[in-house]
Amino acid sequence: MNSRVVAVFCSASEAVPRRCVDLARAVGAGAAARGWTVLTGGQRTSMMAAVTRGAQLTGGRAVGVIPEVLADQTDRLCDELHMTKTIAERKSRMIELADSLLVLPGGLGTCEELFDSWTARIIGQHDKPMVLLDPDGHYAGLLGFLGEAERTGFVAAKHLSLLTTTTEVDQALTACLPAPVTS
């Protein structure tokens, strides 16, 4: 992978609202327009597939990482596929391959990916930009909980600041770039 690689964590559920699939397609297209490769969980459904299609329809590349247990759901249209033994290995591989991590609306798996990669960032296992794109307030309750956890001392403000939250695709993609180095 020669270009910047953005891992996109999102839903593969067919039950999600159409606007979320459209958001995922816009993210893929926006990343490809910047010359980036998108990296997804490699499934052929819903938001994951939309990220891939958005990138490819804009001339970009899409890479999938999928665990063996989901092999029957593999998106064969990905430009490159990586197979892992477990879902945990998939997540680790995605973090390893990516230059930045972008979280879209999702369910339990997406939240697990968010928290696991965020915790890895907190303890210094990576220093990649982490971005939460939430145009419709999908994560409002979760963000409220985190604010309360900070207020009561369970989460440090400096750790919350490691996650950039935005509502616009272009802002989210810009936030995926590393922070400029200041002297």
N, C-alpha and C. Protein backbone atom coordinates (compact mmCIF):
# COMPACT_ATOMS: atom_id res chain seq x y z
N MET A 1 0.84 -1.18 0.00
CA MET A 1 0.00 0.00 0.00
C MET A 1 0.89 1.24 0.00
N ASN A 2 0.81 1.98 -1.08
CA ASN A 2 1.70 3.12 -1.25
C ASN A 2 1.12 4.43 -0.74
N SER A 3 -0.20 4.57 -0.72
CA SER A 3 -0.82 5.82 -0.30
C SER A 3 -1.11 5.80 1.19
N ARG A 4 -1.60 6.91 1.68
CA ARG A 4 -2.09 6.96 3.06
C ARG A 4 -3.24 5.97 3.17
N VAL A 5 -3.31 5.27 4.28
CA VAL A 5 -4.35 4.26 4.49
C VAL A 5 -5.19 4.66 5.68
N VAL A 6 -6.50 4.77 5.46
CA VAL A 6 -7.42 5.08 6.55
C VAL A 6 -8.30 3.85 6.81
N ALA A 7 -8.20 3.35 8.04
CA ALA A 7 -9.07 2.25 8.46
C ALA A 7 -10.42 2.85 8.83
N VAL A 8 -11.47 2.26 8.28
CA VAL A 8 -12.82 2.73 8.55
C VAL A 8 -13.57 1.63 9.30
N PHE A 9 -13.89 1.92 10.56
CA PHE A 9 -14.67 0.99 11.37
C PHE A 9 -16.14 1.40 11.24
N CYS A 10 -16.99 0.45 10.83
CA CYS A 10 -18.40 0.76 10.63
C CYS A 10 -19.22 -0.52 10.62
N SER A 11 -20.50 -0.36 10.44
CA SER A 11 -21.44 -1.48 10.49
C SER A 11 -21.45 -2.28 9.20
N ALA A 12 -21.73 -3.57 9.34
CA ALA A 12 -22.01 -4.44 8.20
C ALA A 12 -23.47 -4.89 8.23
N SER A 13 -24.25 -4.32 9.13
CA SER A 13 -25.66 -4.70 9.28
C SER A 13 -26.49 -4.14 8.14
N GLU A 14 -27.33 -4.98 7.56
CA GLU A 14 -28.24 -4.55 6.49
C GLU A 14 -29.41 -3.75 7.04
N ALA A 15 -29.57 -3.70 8.36
CA ALA A 15 -30.72 -3.02 8.97
C ALA A 15 -30.50 -1.54 9.23
N VAL A 16 -29.30 -1.03 8.95
CA VAL A 16 -28.99 0.38 9.26
C VAL A 16 -29.74 1.31 8.31
N PRO A 17 -29.99 2.56 8.73
CA PRO A 17 -30.65 3.52 7.84
C PRO A 17 -29.83 3.80 6.58
N ARG A 18 -30.51 4.07 5.50
CA ARG A 18 -29.87 4.35 4.21
C ARG A 18 -28.87 5.50 4.31
N ARG A 19 -29.18 6.50 5.13
CA ARG A 19 -28.27 7.65 5.24
C ARG A 19 -26.89 7.22 5.76
N CYS A 20 -26.84 6.15 6.56
CA CYS A 20 -25.55 5.67 7.06
C CYS A 20 -24.75 5.00 5.95
N VAL A 21 -25.43 4.27 5.09
CA VAL A 21 -24.76 3.65 3.93
C VAL A 21 -24.25 4.76 3.01
N ASP A 22 -25.06 5.79 2.80
CA ASP A 22 -24.64 6.91 1.97
C ASP A 22 -23.44 7.63 2.59
N LEU A 23 -23.43 7.77 3.91
CA LEU A 23 -22.29 8.38 4.61
C LEU A 23 -21.03 7.57 4.36
N ALA A 24 -21.14 6.25 4.48
CA ALA A 24 -19.99 5.37 4.27
C ALA A 24 -19.47 5.50 2.84
N ARG A 25 -20.37 5.56 1.87
CA ARG A 25 -19.96 5.72 0.47
C ARG A 25 -19.23 7.06 0.30
N ALA A 26 -19.74 8.11 0.93
CA ALA A 26 -19.10 9.43 0.84
C ALA A 26 -17.70 9.41 1.46
N VAL A 27 -17.54 8.69 2.55
CA VAL A 27 -16.22 8.56 3.18
C VAL A 27 -15.25 7.87 2.23
N GLY A 28 -15.68 6.77 1.63
CA GLY A 28 -14.82 6.06 0.67
C GLY A 28 -14.43 6.95 -0.49
N ALA A 29 -15.43 7.67 -1.04
CA ALA A 29 -15.16 8.56 -2.17
C ALA A 29 -14.24 9.71 -1.76
N GLY A 30 -14.47 10.27 -0.59
CA GLY A 30 -13.63 11.38 -0.11
C GLY A 30 -12.19 10.95 0.12
N ALA A 31 -12.02 9.77 0.69
CA ALA A 31 -10.66 9.26 0.91
C ALA A 31 -9.96 9.03 -0.42
N ALA A 32 -10.67 8.41 -1.37
CA ALA A 32 -10.08 8.14 -2.68
C ALA A 32 -9.74 9.43 -3.41
N ALA A 33 -10.58 10.45 -3.27
CA ALA A 33 -10.31 11.74 -3.92
C ALA A 33 -9.03 12.36 -3.39
N ARG A 34 -8.65 12.01 -2.17
CA ARG A 34 -7.39 12.50 -1.59
C ARG A 34 -6.21 11.60 -1.94
N GLY A 35 -6.48 10.53 -2.68
CA GLY A 35 -5.42 9.60 -3.06
C GLY A 35 -5.15 8.53 -2.02
N TRP A 36 -6.05 8.36 -1.07
CA TRP A 36 -5.86 7.41 0.02
C TRP A 36 -6.48 6.06 -0.30
N THR A 37 -6.00 5.04 0.37
CA THR A 37 -6.58 3.71 0.34
C THR A 37 -7.50 3.58 1.55
N VAL A 38 -8.66 2.96 1.35
CA VAL A 38 -9.54 2.68 2.48
C VAL A 38 -9.34 1.23 2.90
N LEU A 39 -9.45 1.01 4.19
CA LEU A 39 -9.26 -0.30 4.79
C LEU A 39 -10.50 -0.59 5.61
N THR A 40 -11.20 -1.68 5.30
CA THR A 40 -12.42 -2.02 6.02
C THR A 40 -12.34 -3.43 6.58
N GLY A 41 -13.42 -3.81 7.25
CA GLY A 41 -13.54 -5.17 7.79
C GLY A 41 -13.80 -6.22 6.74
N GLY A 42 -13.85 -5.83 5.47
CA GLY A 42 -13.86 -6.78 4.37
C GLY A 42 -15.16 -7.49 4.07
N GLN A 43 -16.26 -7.05 4.68
CA GLN A 43 -17.53 -7.71 4.41
C GLN A 43 -18.23 -7.04 3.23
N ARG A 44 -19.08 -7.79 2.54
CA ARG A 44 -19.71 -7.32 1.30
C ARG A 44 -21.07 -6.66 1.52
N THR A 45 -21.37 -6.30 2.75
CA THR A 45 -22.69 -5.76 3.06
C THR A 45 -22.62 -4.36 3.64
N SER A 46 -23.71 -3.66 3.48
CA SER A 46 -24.02 -2.42 4.17
C SER A 46 -22.91 -1.37 4.08
N MET A 47 -22.58 -0.80 5.21
CA MET A 47 -21.63 0.31 5.25
C MET A 47 -20.23 -0.10 4.82
N MET A 48 -19.81 -1.32 5.20
CA MET A 48 -18.47 -1.77 4.80
C MET A 48 -18.35 -1.80 3.29
N ALA A 49 -19.34 -2.39 2.63
CA ALA A 49 -19.32 -2.46 1.17
C ALA A 49 -19.40 -1.06 0.57
N ALA A 50 -20.17 -0.18 1.18
CA ALA A 50 -20.33 1.18 0.65
C ALA A 50 -19.02 1.96 0.71
N VAL A 51 -18.23 1.79 1.75
CA VAL A 51 -16.91 2.44 1.82
C VAL A 51 -16.07 1.98 0.63
N THR A 52 -16.05 0.67 0.41
CA THR A 52 -15.28 0.10 -0.70
C THR A 52 -15.76 0.65 -2.03
N ARG A 53 -17.07 0.61 -2.28
CA ARG A 53 -17.61 1.07 -3.56
C ARG A 53 -17.36 2.57 -3.76
N GLY A 54 -17.53 3.34 -2.70
CA GLY A 54 -17.28 4.78 -2.81
C GLY A 54 -15.85 5.07 -3.23
N ALA A 55 -14.92 4.34 -2.63
CA ALA A 55 -13.50 4.53 -2.98
C ALA A 55 -13.25 4.10 -4.42
N GLN A 56 -13.72 2.93 -4.78
CA GLN A 56 -13.43 2.41 -6.11
C GLN A 56 -14.08 3.24 -7.22
N LEU A 57 -15.29 3.72 -6.99
CA LEU A 57 -15.98 4.53 -8.00
C LEU A 57 -15.31 5.90 -8.19
N THR A 58 -14.43 6.26 -7.24
CA THR A 58 -13.70 7.52 -7.32
C THR A 58 -12.24 7.26 -7.72
N GLY A 59 -11.96 6.02 -8.14
CA GLY A 59 -10.62 5.68 -8.63
C GLY A 59 -9.66 5.25 -7.55
N GLY A 60 -10.16 4.97 -6.34
CA GLY A 60 -9.29 4.58 -5.24
C GLY A 60 -9.21 3.09 -5.02
N ARG A 61 -8.43 2.74 -4.03
CA ARG A 61 -8.23 1.33 -3.66
C ARG A 61 -8.94 1.03 -2.35
N ALA A 62 -9.38 -0.22 -2.25
CA ALA A 62 -10.02 -0.70 -1.03
C ALA A 62 -9.40 -2.03 -0.62
N VAL A 63 -9.04 -2.10 0.63
CA VAL A 63 -8.45 -3.31 1.20
C VAL A 63 -9.37 -3.81 2.30
N GLY A 64 -9.60 -5.11 2.34
CA GLY A 64 -10.43 -5.70 3.38
C GLY A 64 -9.62 -6.63 4.25
N VAL A 65 -9.98 -6.66 5.53
CA VAL A 65 -9.37 -7.60 6.48
C VAL A 65 -10.54 -8.33 7.13
N ILE A 66 -10.60 -9.65 6.96
CA ILE A 66 -11.76 -10.39 7.43
C ILE A 66 -11.32 -11.67 8.14
N PRO A 67 -11.99 -12.00 9.25
CA PRO A 67 -11.65 -13.25 9.93
C PRO A 67 -12.24 -14.46 9.20
N GLU A 68 -11.59 -15.59 9.35
CA GLU A 68 -12.02 -16.82 8.68
C GLU A 68 -13.49 -17.15 8.95
N VAL A 69 -13.96 -16.87 10.16
CA VAL A 69 -15.34 -17.21 10.51
C VAL A 69 -16.36 -16.46 9.65
N LEU A 70 -15.95 -15.34 9.05
CA LEU A 70 -16.84 -14.55 8.19
C LEU A 70 -16.47 -14.69 6.72
N ALA A 71 -15.70 -15.69 6.37
CA ALA A 71 -15.21 -15.85 5.00
C ALA A 71 -16.33 -15.90 3.97
N ASP A 72 -17.48 -16.43 4.35
CA ASP A 72 -18.61 -16.50 3.40
C ASP A 72 -19.23 -15.13 3.15
N GLN A 73 -18.81 -14.10 3.90
CA GLN A 73 -19.32 -12.74 3.72
C GLN A 73 -18.27 -11.81 3.10
N THR A 74 -17.18 -12.38 2.60
CA THR A 74 -16.08 -11.59 2.06
C THR A 74 -16.51 -10.77 0.85
N ASP A 75 -16.08 -9.53 0.83
CA ASP A 75 -16.31 -8.64 -0.30
C ASP A 75 -15.22 -8.90 -1.33
N ARG A 76 -15.54 -9.71 -2.30
CA ARG A 76 -14.56 -10.11 -3.32
C ARG A 76 -14.18 -8.96 -4.26
N LEU A 77 -14.88 -7.83 -4.14
CA LEU A 77 -14.54 -6.69 -4.98
C LEU A 77 -13.42 -5.84 -4.38
N CYS A 78 -12.99 -6.16 -3.16
CA CYS A 78 -11.85 -5.44 -2.58
C CYS A 78 -10.63 -5.65 -3.48
N ASP A 79 -9.80 -4.64 -3.58
CA ASP A 79 -8.58 -4.75 -4.38
C ASP A 79 -7.57 -5.70 -3.75
N GLU A 80 -7.67 -5.84 -2.44
CA GLU A 80 -6.74 -6.70 -1.70
C GLU A 80 -7.48 -7.20 -0.47
N LEU A 81 -7.28 -8.48 -0.14
CA LEU A 81 -7.92 -9.06 1.04
C LEU A 81 -6.88 -9.71 1.94
N HIS A 82 -7.07 -9.54 3.24
CA HIS A 82 -6.25 -10.21 4.24
C HIS A 82 -7.19 -11.06 5.08
N MET A 83 -6.84 -12.31 5.28
CA MET A 83 -7.64 -13.21 6.10
C MET A 83 -6.93 -13.38 7.45
N THR A 84 -7.71 -13.31 8.53
CA THR A 84 -7.16 -13.53 9.87
C THR A 84 -7.88 -14.71 10.53
N LYS A 85 -7.30 -15.22 11.57
CA LYS A 85 -7.92 -16.33 12.31
C LYS A 85 -9.12 -15.86 13.12
N THR A 86 -8.99 -14.69 13.77
CA THR A 86 -10.04 -14.24 14.70
C THR A 86 -10.43 -12.79 14.42
N ILE A 87 -11.53 -12.40 15.02
CA ILE A 87 -11.99 -11.01 14.92
C ILE A 87 -11.00 -10.07 15.61
N ALA A 88 -10.40 -10.52 16.72
CA ALA A 88 -9.40 -9.70 17.41
C ALA A 88 -8.18 -9.49 16.53
N GLU A 89 -7.78 -10.52 15.81
CA GLU A 89 -6.65 -10.39 14.89
C GLU A 89 -6.99 -9.45 13.75
N ARG A 90 -8.26 -9.47 13.30
CA ARG A 90 -8.67 -8.53 12.24
C ARG A 90 -8.46 -7.10 12.70
N LYS A 91 -8.95 -6.80 13.89
CA LYS A 91 -8.83 -5.44 14.41
C LYS A 91 -7.36 -5.04 14.56
N SER A 92 -6.55 -5.91 15.11
CA SER A 92 -5.12 -5.62 15.27
C SER A 92 -4.44 -5.39 13.93
N ARG A 93 -4.81 -6.20 12.95
CA ARG A 93 -4.22 -6.07 11.62
C ARG A 93 -4.64 -4.75 10.98
N MET A 94 -5.89 -4.36 11.16
CA MET A 94 -6.36 -3.09 10.60
C MET A 94 -5.61 -1.92 11.23
N ILE A 95 -5.43 -1.96 12.54
CA ILE A 95 -4.70 -0.89 13.22
C ILE A 95 -3.25 -0.85 12.72
N GLU A 96 -2.66 -2.02 12.55
CA GLU A 96 -1.28 -2.11 12.07
C GLU A 96 -1.13 -1.54 10.66
N LEU A 97 -2.05 -1.84 9.77
CA LEU A 97 -1.95 -1.42 8.37
C LEU A 97 -2.30 0.04 8.14
N ALA A 98 -3.06 0.62 9.06
CA ALA A 98 -3.61 1.96 8.85
C ALA A 98 -2.65 3.06 9.30
N ASP A 99 -2.84 4.23 8.68
CA ASP A 99 -2.17 5.45 9.11
C ASP A 99 -3.07 6.26 10.04
N SER A 100 -4.38 6.04 9.92
CA SER A 100 -5.35 6.71 10.78
C SER A 100 -6.59 5.83 10.90
N LEU A 101 -7.39 6.10 11.93
CA LEU A 101 -8.57 5.28 12.24
C LEU A 101 -9.80 6.18 12.26
N LEU A 102 -10.79 5.83 11.47
CA LEU A 102 -12.01 6.61 11.35
C LEU A 102 -13.20 5.73 11.72
N VAL A 103 -13.97 6.17 12.69
CA VAL A 103 -15.12 5.41 13.17
C VAL A 103 -16.40 6.07 12.69
N LEU A 104 -17.25 5.28 12.03
CA LEU A 104 -18.55 5.73 11.57
C LEU A 104 -19.62 5.12 12.49
N PRO A 105 -20.88 5.47 12.30
CA PRO A 105 -21.92 4.83 13.10
C PRO A 105 -21.84 3.31 13.00
N GLY A 106 -22.10 2.66 14.12
CA GLY A 106 -22.05 1.20 14.15
C GLY A 106 -22.62 0.68 15.44
N GLY A 107 -22.55 -0.61 15.59
CA GLY A 107 -23.10 -1.29 16.77
C GLY A 107 -22.01 -1.77 17.71
N LEU A 108 -22.23 -2.94 18.28
CA LEU A 108 -21.30 -3.46 19.29
C LEU A 108 -19.89 -3.66 18.74
N GLY A 109 -19.77 -4.24 17.55
CA GLY A 109 -18.45 -4.47 16.98
C GLY A 109 -17.70 -3.18 16.73
N THR A 110 -18.40 -2.19 16.22
CA THR A 110 -17.77 -0.89 15.94
C THR A 110 -17.35 -0.22 17.24
N CYS A 111 -18.21 -0.29 18.25
CA CYS A 111 -17.84 0.30 19.56
C CYS A 111 -16.64 -0.42 20.15
N GLU A 112 -16.59 -1.73 20.00
CA GLU A 112 -15.45 -2.49 20.51
C GLU A 112 -14.18 -2.07 19.79
N GLU A 113 -14.27 -1.87 18.47
CA GLU A 113 -13.10 -1.42 17.71
C GLU A 113 -12.66 -0.03 18.15
N LEU A 114 -13.63 0.84 18.37
CA LEU A 114 -13.33 2.20 18.86
C LEU A 114 -12.60 2.13 20.19
N PHE A 115 -13.16 1.43 21.16
CA PHE A 115 -12.57 1.43 22.50
C PHE A 115 -11.24 0.68 22.54
N ASP A 116 -11.13 -0.40 21.81
CA ASP A 116 -9.87 -1.15 21.83
C ASP A 116 -8.75 -0.33 21.20
N SER A 117 -9.02 0.28 20.06
CA SER A 117 -7.97 1.07 19.41
C SER A 117 -7.66 2.34 20.19
N TRP A 118 -8.67 2.91 20.84
CA TRP A 118 -8.47 4.10 21.66
C TRP A 118 -7.62 3.76 22.88
N THR A 119 -7.93 2.65 23.52
CA THR A 119 -7.13 2.22 24.67
C THR A 119 -5.69 1.93 24.26
N ALA A 120 -5.51 1.30 23.10
CA ALA A 120 -4.16 1.05 22.59
C ALA A 120 -3.42 2.37 22.37
N ARG A 121 -4.12 3.38 21.92
CA ARG A 121 -3.50 4.70 21.73
C ARG A 121 -3.12 5.30 23.08
N ILE A 122 -4.01 5.20 24.05
CA ILE A 122 -3.75 5.75 25.38
C ILE A 122 -2.49 5.14 26.00
N ILE A 123 -2.32 3.84 25.85
CA ILE A 123 -1.17 3.19 26.49
C ILE A 123 0.08 3.18 25.60
N GLY A 124 0.00 3.85 24.45
CA GLY A 124 1.18 4.04 23.61
C GLY A 124 1.47 2.95 22.60
N GLN A 125 0.50 2.09 22.30
CA GLN A 125 0.74 1.06 21.30
C GLN A 125 0.67 1.60 19.87
N HIS A 126 0.08 2.76 19.69
CA HIS A 126 0.11 3.45 18.41
C HIS A 126 -0.13 4.94 18.68
N ASP A 127 0.17 5.75 17.69
CA ASP A 127 -0.06 7.20 17.84
C ASP A 127 -0.82 7.75 16.63
N LYS A 128 -1.67 6.92 16.06
CA LYS A 128 -2.41 7.27 14.85
C LYS A 128 -3.59 8.17 15.17
N PRO A 129 -3.89 9.11 14.29
CA PRO A 129 -5.08 9.93 14.50
C PRO A 129 -6.33 9.05 14.59
N MET A 130 -7.20 9.40 15.53
CA MET A 130 -8.46 8.68 15.72
C MET A 130 -9.60 9.68 15.60
N VAL A 131 -10.57 9.34 14.74
CA VAL A 131 -11.64 10.27 14.42
C VAL A 131 -12.98 9.54 14.51
N LEU A 132 -13.95 10.21 15.10
CA LEU A 132 -15.33 9.71 15.18
C LEU A 132 -16.19 10.63 14.32
N LEU A 133 -16.76 10.09 13.25
CA LEU A 133 -17.65 10.85 12.37
C LEU A 133 -19.09 10.52 12.75
N ASP A 134 -19.78 11.51 13.28
CA ASP A 134 -21.12 11.29 13.84
C ASP A 134 -22.08 12.42 13.43
N PRO A 135 -22.54 12.41 12.17
CA PRO A 135 -23.36 13.53 11.70
C PRO A 135 -24.77 13.57 12.29
N ASP A 136 -25.28 12.45 12.75
CA ASP A 136 -26.67 12.39 13.21
C ASP A 136 -26.84 12.17 14.70
N GLY A 137 -25.77 12.26 15.47
CA GLY A 137 -25.86 12.08 16.91
C GLY A 137 -26.00 10.63 17.34
N HIS A 138 -25.58 9.71 16.48
CA HIS A 138 -25.63 8.28 16.81
C HIS A 138 -24.91 7.98 18.12
N TYR A 139 -23.81 8.64 18.35
CA TYR A 139 -22.99 8.39 19.55
C TYR A 139 -23.24 9.40 20.67
N ALA A 140 -24.31 10.17 20.60
CA ALA A 140 -24.56 11.21 21.61
C ALA A 140 -24.61 10.63 23.02
N GLY A 141 -25.30 9.53 23.21
CA GLY A 141 -25.38 8.91 24.54
C GLY A 141 -24.02 8.44 25.03
N LEU A 142 -23.25 7.84 24.13
CA LEU A 142 -21.91 7.37 24.48
C LEU A 142 -21.00 8.54 24.84
N LEU A 143 -21.07 9.61 24.06
CA LEU A 143 -20.25 10.78 24.36
C LEU A 143 -20.68 11.44 25.66
N GLY A 144 -21.97 11.41 25.96
CA GLY A 144 -22.46 11.91 27.24
C GLY A 144 -21.91 11.09 28.40
N PHE A 145 -21.93 9.77 28.23
CA PHE A 145 -21.36 8.88 29.25
C PHE A 145 -19.88 9.20 29.47
N LEU A 146 -19.14 9.40 28.38
CA LEU A 146 -17.71 9.68 28.51
C LEU A 146 -17.47 11.02 29.20
N GLY A 147 -18.30 12.00 28.91
CA GLY A 147 -18.20 13.28 29.61
C GLY A 147 -18.44 13.12 31.10
N GLU A 148 -19.43 12.33 31.46
CA GLU A 148 -19.71 12.06 32.87
C GLU A 148 -18.56 11.27 33.51
N ALA A 149 -18.00 10.32 32.76
CA ALA A 149 -16.86 9.54 33.28
C ALA A 149 -15.66 10.45 33.53
N GLU A 150 -15.48 11.45 32.68
CA GLU A 150 -14.41 12.42 32.92
C GLU A 150 -14.72 13.25 34.17
N ARG A 151 -15.93 13.73 34.26
CA ARG A 151 -16.34 14.57 35.39
C ARG A 151 -16.16 13.84 36.73
N THR A 152 -16.40 12.55 36.74
CA THR A 152 -16.30 11.77 37.98
C THR A 152 -14.94 11.10 38.17
N GLY A 153 -13.98 11.40 37.29
CA GLY A 153 -12.62 10.92 37.48
C GLY A 153 -12.29 9.56 36.89
N PHE A 154 -13.20 8.97 36.13
CA PHE A 154 -12.94 7.65 35.56
C PHE A 154 -12.17 7.71 34.24
N VAL A 155 -12.21 8.86 33.58
CA VAL A 155 -11.51 9.05 32.31
C VAL A 155 -10.81 10.41 32.37
N ALA A 156 -9.56 10.42 31.95
CA ALA A 156 -8.79 11.67 31.95
C ALA A 156 -9.11 12.50 30.71
N ALA A 157 -9.19 13.79 30.88
CA ALA A 157 -9.46 14.71 29.76
C ALA A 157 -8.42 14.52 28.65
N LYS A 158 -7.17 14.30 29.03
CA LYS A 158 -6.13 14.12 28.01
C LYS A 158 -6.37 12.88 27.17
N HIS A 159 -7.04 11.89 27.74
CA HIS A 159 -7.36 10.68 26.97
C HIS A 159 -8.55 10.91 26.05
N LEU A 160 -9.52 11.68 26.54
CA LEU A 160 -10.66 12.02 25.68
C LEU A 160 -10.21 12.85 24.50
N SER A 161 -9.19 13.67 24.69
CA SER A 161 -8.72 14.55 23.62
C SER A 161 -8.02 13.79 22.49
N LEU A 162 -7.74 12.52 22.69
CA LEU A 162 -7.10 11.72 21.64
C LEU A 162 -8.07 11.32 20.54
N LEU A 163 -9.37 11.53 20.78
CA LEU A 163 -10.39 11.21 19.79
C LEU A 163 -11.00 12.51 19.28
N THR A 164 -10.89 12.74 17.99
CA THR A 164 -11.52 13.91 17.37
C THR A 164 -12.91 13.51 16.92
N THR A 165 -13.90 14.30 17.33
CA THR A 165 -15.28 14.03 16.93
C THR A 165 -15.73 15.13 15.98
N THR A 166 -16.37 14.72 14.88
CA THR A 166 -16.84 15.67 13.88
C THR A 166 -18.14 15.19 13.25
N THR A 167 -18.80 16.08 12.53
CA THR A 167 -20.07 15.75 11.90
C THR A 167 -20.01 15.79 10.38
N GLU A 168 -18.90 16.21 9.82
CA GLU A 168 -18.77 16.37 8.36
C GLU A 168 -17.68 15.46 7.81
N VAL A 169 -17.94 14.87 6.65
CA VAL A 169 -16.99 13.95 6.03
C VAL A 169 -15.64 14.63 5.79
N ASP A 170 -15.65 15.80 5.18
CA ASP A 170 -14.38 16.46 4.87
C ASP A 170 -13.59 16.79 6.14
N GLN A 171 -14.28 17.25 7.17
CA GLN A 171 -13.61 17.52 8.45
C GLN A 171 -13.01 16.24 9.04
N ALA A 172 -13.75 15.16 8.94
CA ALA A 172 -13.27 13.88 9.47
C ALA A 172 -12.01 13.43 8.73
N LEU A 173 -12.03 13.54 7.41
CA LEU A 173 -10.86 13.12 6.63
C LEU A 173 -9.66 14.02 6.91
N THR A 174 -9.90 15.32 7.05
CA THR A 174 -8.81 16.22 7.40
C THR A 174 -8.23 15.86 8.77
N ALA A 175 -9.09 15.49 9.69
CA ALA A 175 -8.63 15.11 11.04
C ALA A 175 -7.85 13.79 11.02
N CYS A 176 -7.96 13.02 9.94
CA CYS A 176 -7.20 11.77 9.82
C CYS A 176 -5.72 12.01 9.51
N LEU A 177 -5.39 13.25 9.18
CA LEU A 177 -3.99 13.59 8.93
C LEU A 177 -3.26 13.78 10.26
N PRO A 178 -1.99 13.44 10.32
CA PRO A 178 -1.26 13.66 11.56
C PRO A 178 -1.20 15.15 11.90
N ALA A 179 -1.18 15.43 13.18
CA ALA A 179 -1.08 16.83 13.63
C ALA A 179 0.26 17.39 13.19
N PRO A 180 0.27 18.65 12.75
CA PRO A 180 1.54 19.26 12.36
C PRO A 180 2.50 19.31 13.54
N VAL A 181 3.75 19.10 13.25
CA VAL A 181 4.78 19.16 14.28
C VAL A 181 5.13 20.62 14.52
N THR A 182 5.07 21.02 15.78
CA THR A 182 5.43 22.40 16.12
C THR A 182 6.75 22.40 16.86
N SER A 183 7.51 23.47 16.66
CA SER A 183 8.83 23.53 17.33
C SER A 183 8.78 24.35 18.56
